[in-house]
Amino acid sequence: SLTLTNRVTCKACGRITCMRHRMPESHACGTHQRSKQRLATAARSATARLSAGAARLTAGASRNRTARAQAGGPASTPAGAERCPQCGATFGDVHALIAHVEARHPGGGKRKKDGSCAVQ
């Protein structure tokens, strides 16, 4: 028998239950079933949006590589590598690239007619 000390009112459906069945998944709470369905639908929708976004990113990266290759530039650089736009030298991080450009290309990155770096 339920008394004031051992009964609980479900906040989702308003049903009065014992302490053992107080959670929505422990009693026939219709709100709990609807919540599970909404969560499943939201998860499917989010997965579809992520898949579509990943496909757009992959297609964009492929177009960028193709455009760079057609322009005579490098198709790609190793992961985490930075490439000097003036001479093509590669560096492990952007700080090393900046130091290189400031030291080796002080004139604003002028190139020789053959495309090589004017400052050696």
C-alpha atoms as a PDB file:
ATOM      1  CA  SER A   1       0.000   0.000   0.000  1.00  0.00           C
ATOM      2  CA  LEU A   2       1.267   3.442  -0.886  1.00  0.00           C
ATOM      3  CA  THR A   3       1.650   6.023   1.867  1.00  0.00           C
ATOM      4  CA  LEU A   4       2.964   9.584   1.900  1.00  0.00           C
ATOM      5  CA  THR A   5       6.505   8.339   2.549  1.00  0.00           C
ATOM      6  CA  ASN A   6       6.773   5.679  -0.159  1.00  0.00           C
ATOM      7  CA  ARG A   7       4.864   7.096  -3.121  1.00  0.00           C
ATOM      8  CA  VAL A   8       6.147   9.182  -6.012  1.00  0.00           C
ATOM      9  CA  THR A   9       4.291  11.106  -8.706  1.00  0.00           C
ATOM     10  CA  CYS A  10       5.867  10.736 -12.143  1.00  0.00           C
ATOM     11  CA  LYS A  11       6.730  14.192 -13.472  1.00  0.00           C
ATOM     12  CA  ALA A  12       6.243  13.009 -17.054  1.00  0.00           C
ATOM     13  CA  CYS A  13       2.794  11.385 -16.917  1.00  0.00           C
ATOM     14  CA  GLY A  14       1.499  12.264 -13.429  1.00  0.00           C
ATOM     15  CA  ARG A  15       1.019   8.616 -12.417  1.00  0.00           C
ATOM     16  CA  ILE A  16       1.471   7.785  -8.722  1.00  0.00           C
ATOM     17  CA  THR A  17       3.920   4.912  -8.254  1.00  0.00           C
ATOM     18  CA  CYS A  18       5.951   3.242  -5.538  1.00  0.00           C
ATOM     19  CA  MET A  19       9.648   4.116  -5.103  1.00  0.00           C
ATOM     20  CA  ARG A  20      10.694   1.037  -7.072  1.00  0.00           C
ATOM     21  CA  HIS A  21       8.716   2.122 -10.168  1.00  0.00           C
ATOM     22  CA  ARG A  22       9.355   5.877  -9.954  1.00  0.00           C
ATOM     23  CA  MET A  23      11.441   6.121 -13.163  1.00  0.00           C
ATOM     24  CA  PRO A  24       9.492   6.546 -16.446  1.00  0.00           C
ATOM     25  CA  GLU A  25      11.136   3.445 -17.946  1.00  0.00           C
ATOM     26  CA  SER A  26      10.005   1.393 -14.893  1.00  0.00           C
ATOM     27  CA  HIS A  27       6.263   1.935 -15.372  1.00  0.00           C
ATOM     28  CA  ALA A  28       3.903   2.238 -18.347  1.00  0.00           C
ATOM     29  CA  CYS A  29       4.738   5.902 -18.917  1.00  0.00           C
ATOM     30  CA  GLY A  30       3.531   6.916 -22.377  1.00  0.00           C
ATOM     31  CA  THR A  31       5.700  10.031 -22.247  1.00  0.00           C
ATOM     32  CA  HIS A  32       8.823   7.890 -21.910  1.00  0.00           C
ATOM     33  CA  GLN A  33       7.977   5.919 -25.066  1.00  0.00           C
ATOM     34  CA  ARG A  34       7.341   9.127 -27.041  1.00  0.00           C
ATOM     35  CA  SER A  35      10.657  10.555 -25.778  1.00  0.00           C
ATOM     36  CA  LYS A  36      12.534   7.458 -26.946  1.00  0.00           C
ATOM     37  CA  GLN A  37      10.926   7.748 -30.389  1.00  0.00           C
ATOM     38  CA  ARG A  38      11.800  11.462 -30.636  1.00  0.00           C
ATOM     39  CA  LEU A  39      15.406  10.749 -29.645  1.00  0.00           C
ATOM     40  CA  ALA A  40      15.715   7.981 -32.251  1.00  0.00           C
ATOM     41  CA  THR A  41      14.298  10.266 -34.959  1.00  0.00           C
ATOM     42  CA  ALA A  42      16.633  13.098 -33.957  1.00  0.00           C
ATOM     43  CA  ALA A  43      19.634  10.748 -34.008  1.00  0.00           C
ATOM     44  CA  ARG A  44      18.776   9.532 -37.524  1.00  0.00           C
ATOM     45  CA  SER A  45      18.341  13.117 -38.717  1.00  0.00           C
ATOM     46  CA  ALA A  46      21.653  14.230 -37.196  1.00  0.00           C
ATOM     47  CA  THR A  47      23.465  11.274 -38.763  1.00  0.00           C
ATOM     48  CA  ALA A  48      22.029  12.142 -42.181  1.00  0.00           C
ATOM     49  CA  ARG A  49      23.083  15.806 -41.822  1.00  0.00           C
ATOM     50  CA  LEU A  50      26.616  14.798 -40.777  1.00  0.00           C
ATOM     51  CA  SER A  51      26.945  12.400 -43.708  1.00  0.00           C
ATOM     52  CA  ALA A  52      25.806  15.073 -46.158  1.00  0.00           C
ATOM     53  CA  GLY A  53      28.225  17.606 -44.647  1.00  0.00           C
ATOM     54  CA  ALA A  54      31.127  15.171 -44.864  1.00  0.00           C
ATOM     55  CA  ALA A  55      30.317  14.478 -48.513  1.00  0.00           C
ATOM     56  CA  ARG A  56      30.316  18.233 -49.273  1.00  0.00           C
ATOM     57  CA  LEU A  57      33.669  18.685 -47.513  1.00  0.00           C
ATOM     58  CA  THR A  58      35.224  15.767 -49.371  1.00  0.00           C
ATOM     59  CA  ALA A  59      33.976  17.061 -52.723  1.00  0.00           C
ATOM     60  CA  GLY A  60      35.259  20.574 -51.937  1.00  0.00           C
ATOM     61  CA  ALA A  61      38.697  19.293 -50.933  1.00  0.00           C
ATOM     62  CA  SER A  62      38.899  17.253 -54.124  1.00  0.00           C
ATOM     63  CA  ARG A  63      37.993  20.323 -56.231  1.00  0.00           C
ATOM     64  CA  ASN A  64      40.637  22.387 -54.389  1.00  0.00           C
ATOM     65  CA  ARG A  65      43.358  19.779 -55.027  1.00  0.00           C
ATOM     66  CA  THR A  66      42.415  19.597 -58.699  1.00  0.00           C
ATOM     67  CA  ALA A  67      42.457  23.388 -59.047  1.00  0.00           C
ATOM     68  CA  ARG A  68      45.877  23.636 -57.346  1.00  0.00           C
ATOM     69  CA  ALA A  69      47.281  20.889 -59.561  1.00  0.00           C
ATOM     70  CA  GLN A  70      45.936  22.598 -62.716  1.00  0.00           C
ATOM     71  CA  ALA A  71      47.438  25.910 -61.592  1.00  0.00           C
ATOM     72  CA  GLY A  72      50.853  24.251 -61.275  1.00  0.00           C
ATOM     73  CA  GLY A  73      50.850  24.275 -57.493  1.00  0.00           C
ATOM     74  CA  PRO A  74      51.299  21.310 -55.195  1.00  0.00           C
ATOM     75  CA  ALA A  75      48.325  18.943 -55.107  1.00  0.00           C
ATOM     76  CA  SER A  76      48.745  18.387 -51.367  1.00  0.00           C
ATOM     77  CA  THR A  77      51.157  18.749 -48.495  1.00  0.00           C
ATOM     78  CA  PRO A  78      51.866  16.187 -45.773  1.00  0.00           C
ATOM     79  CA  ALA A  79      49.486  16.302 -42.816  1.00  0.00           C
ATOM     80  CA  GLY A  80      50.397  19.191 -40.514  1.00  0.00           C
ATOM     81  CA  ALA A  81      52.894  20.648 -43.007  1.00  0.00           C
ATOM     82  CA  GLU A  82      52.875  24.284 -44.081  1.00  0.00           C
ATOM     83  CA  ARG A  83      54.188  25.236 -47.520  1.00  0.00           C
ATOM     84  CA  CYS A  84      55.924  28.508 -48.384  1.00  0.00           C
ATOM     85  CA  PRO A  85      53.999  30.137 -51.247  1.00  0.00           C
ATOM     86  CA  GLN A  86      57.171  31.823 -52.570  1.00  0.00           C
ATOM     87  CA  CYS A  87      59.621  28.913 -52.797  1.00  0.00           C
ATOM     88  CA  GLY A  88      57.601  25.801 -51.933  1.00  0.00           C
ATOM     89  CA  ALA A  89      59.655  24.818 -48.869  1.00  0.00           C
ATOM     90  CA  THR A  90      57.643  22.855 -46.272  1.00  0.00           C
ATOM     91  CA  PHE A  91      57.589  23.393 -42.517  1.00  0.00           C
ATOM     92  CA  GLY A  92      56.136  21.500 -39.568  1.00  0.00           C
ATOM     93  CA  ASP A  93      54.080  24.421 -38.288  1.00  0.00           C
ATOM     94  CA  VAL A  94      52.949  27.904 -39.230  1.00  0.00           C
ATOM     95  CA  HIS A  95      55.410  29.604 -36.850  1.00  0.00           C
ATOM     96  CA  ALA A  96      58.367  28.042 -38.661  1.00  0.00           C
ATOM     97  CA  LEU A  97      56.856  29.136 -41.993  1.00  0.00           C
ATOM     98  CA  ILE A  98      56.468  32.725 -40.767  1.00  0.00           C
ATOM     99  CA  ALA A  99      60.063  32.800 -39.517  1.00  0.00           C
ATOM    100  CA  HIS A 100      61.225  31.451 -42.892  1.00  0.00           C
ATOM    101  CA  VAL A 101      59.245  34.028 -44.885  1.00  0.00           C
ATOM    102  CA  GLU A 102      60.483  36.891 -42.713  1.00  0.00           C
ATOM    103  CA  ALA A 103      64.108  35.738 -42.989  1.00  0.00           C
ATOM    104  CA  ARG A 104      64.220  34.505 -46.605  1.00  0.00           C
ATOM    105  CA  HIS A 105      61.627  36.666 -48.366  1.00  0.00           C
ATOM    106  CA  PRO A 106      61.939  40.155 -46.829  1.00  0.00           C
ATOM    107  CA  GLY A 107      61.124  41.870 -50.138  1.00  0.00           C
ATOM    108  CA  GLY A 108      57.578  40.603 -50.185  1.00  0.00           C
ATOM    109  CA  GLY A 109      58.220  37.269 -51.830  1.00  0.00           C
ATOM    110  CA  LYS A 110      59.789  38.286 -55.125  1.00  0.00           C
ATOM    111  CA  ARG A 111      60.546  35.359 -57.421  1.00  0.00           C
ATOM    112  CA  LYS A 112      63.071  34.873 -60.145  1.00  0.00           C
ATOM    113  CA  LYS A 113      61.731  34.512 -63.678  1.00  0.00           C
ATOM    114  CA  ASP A 114      62.198  30.721 -63.475  1.00  0.00           C
ATOM    115  CA  GLY A 115      59.850  30.627 -60.431  1.00  0.00           C
ATOM    116  CA  SER A 116      62.561  29.889 -57.861  1.00  0.00           C
ATOM    117  CA  CYS A 117      63.073  31.986 -54.763  1.00  0.00           C
ATOM    118  CA  ALA A 118      64.969  35.259 -55.414  1.00  0.00           C
ATOM    119  CA  VAL A 119      66.434  35.282 -51.901  1.00  0.00           C
ATOM    120  CA  GLN A 120      68.617  32.287 -51.036  1.00  0.00           C
END
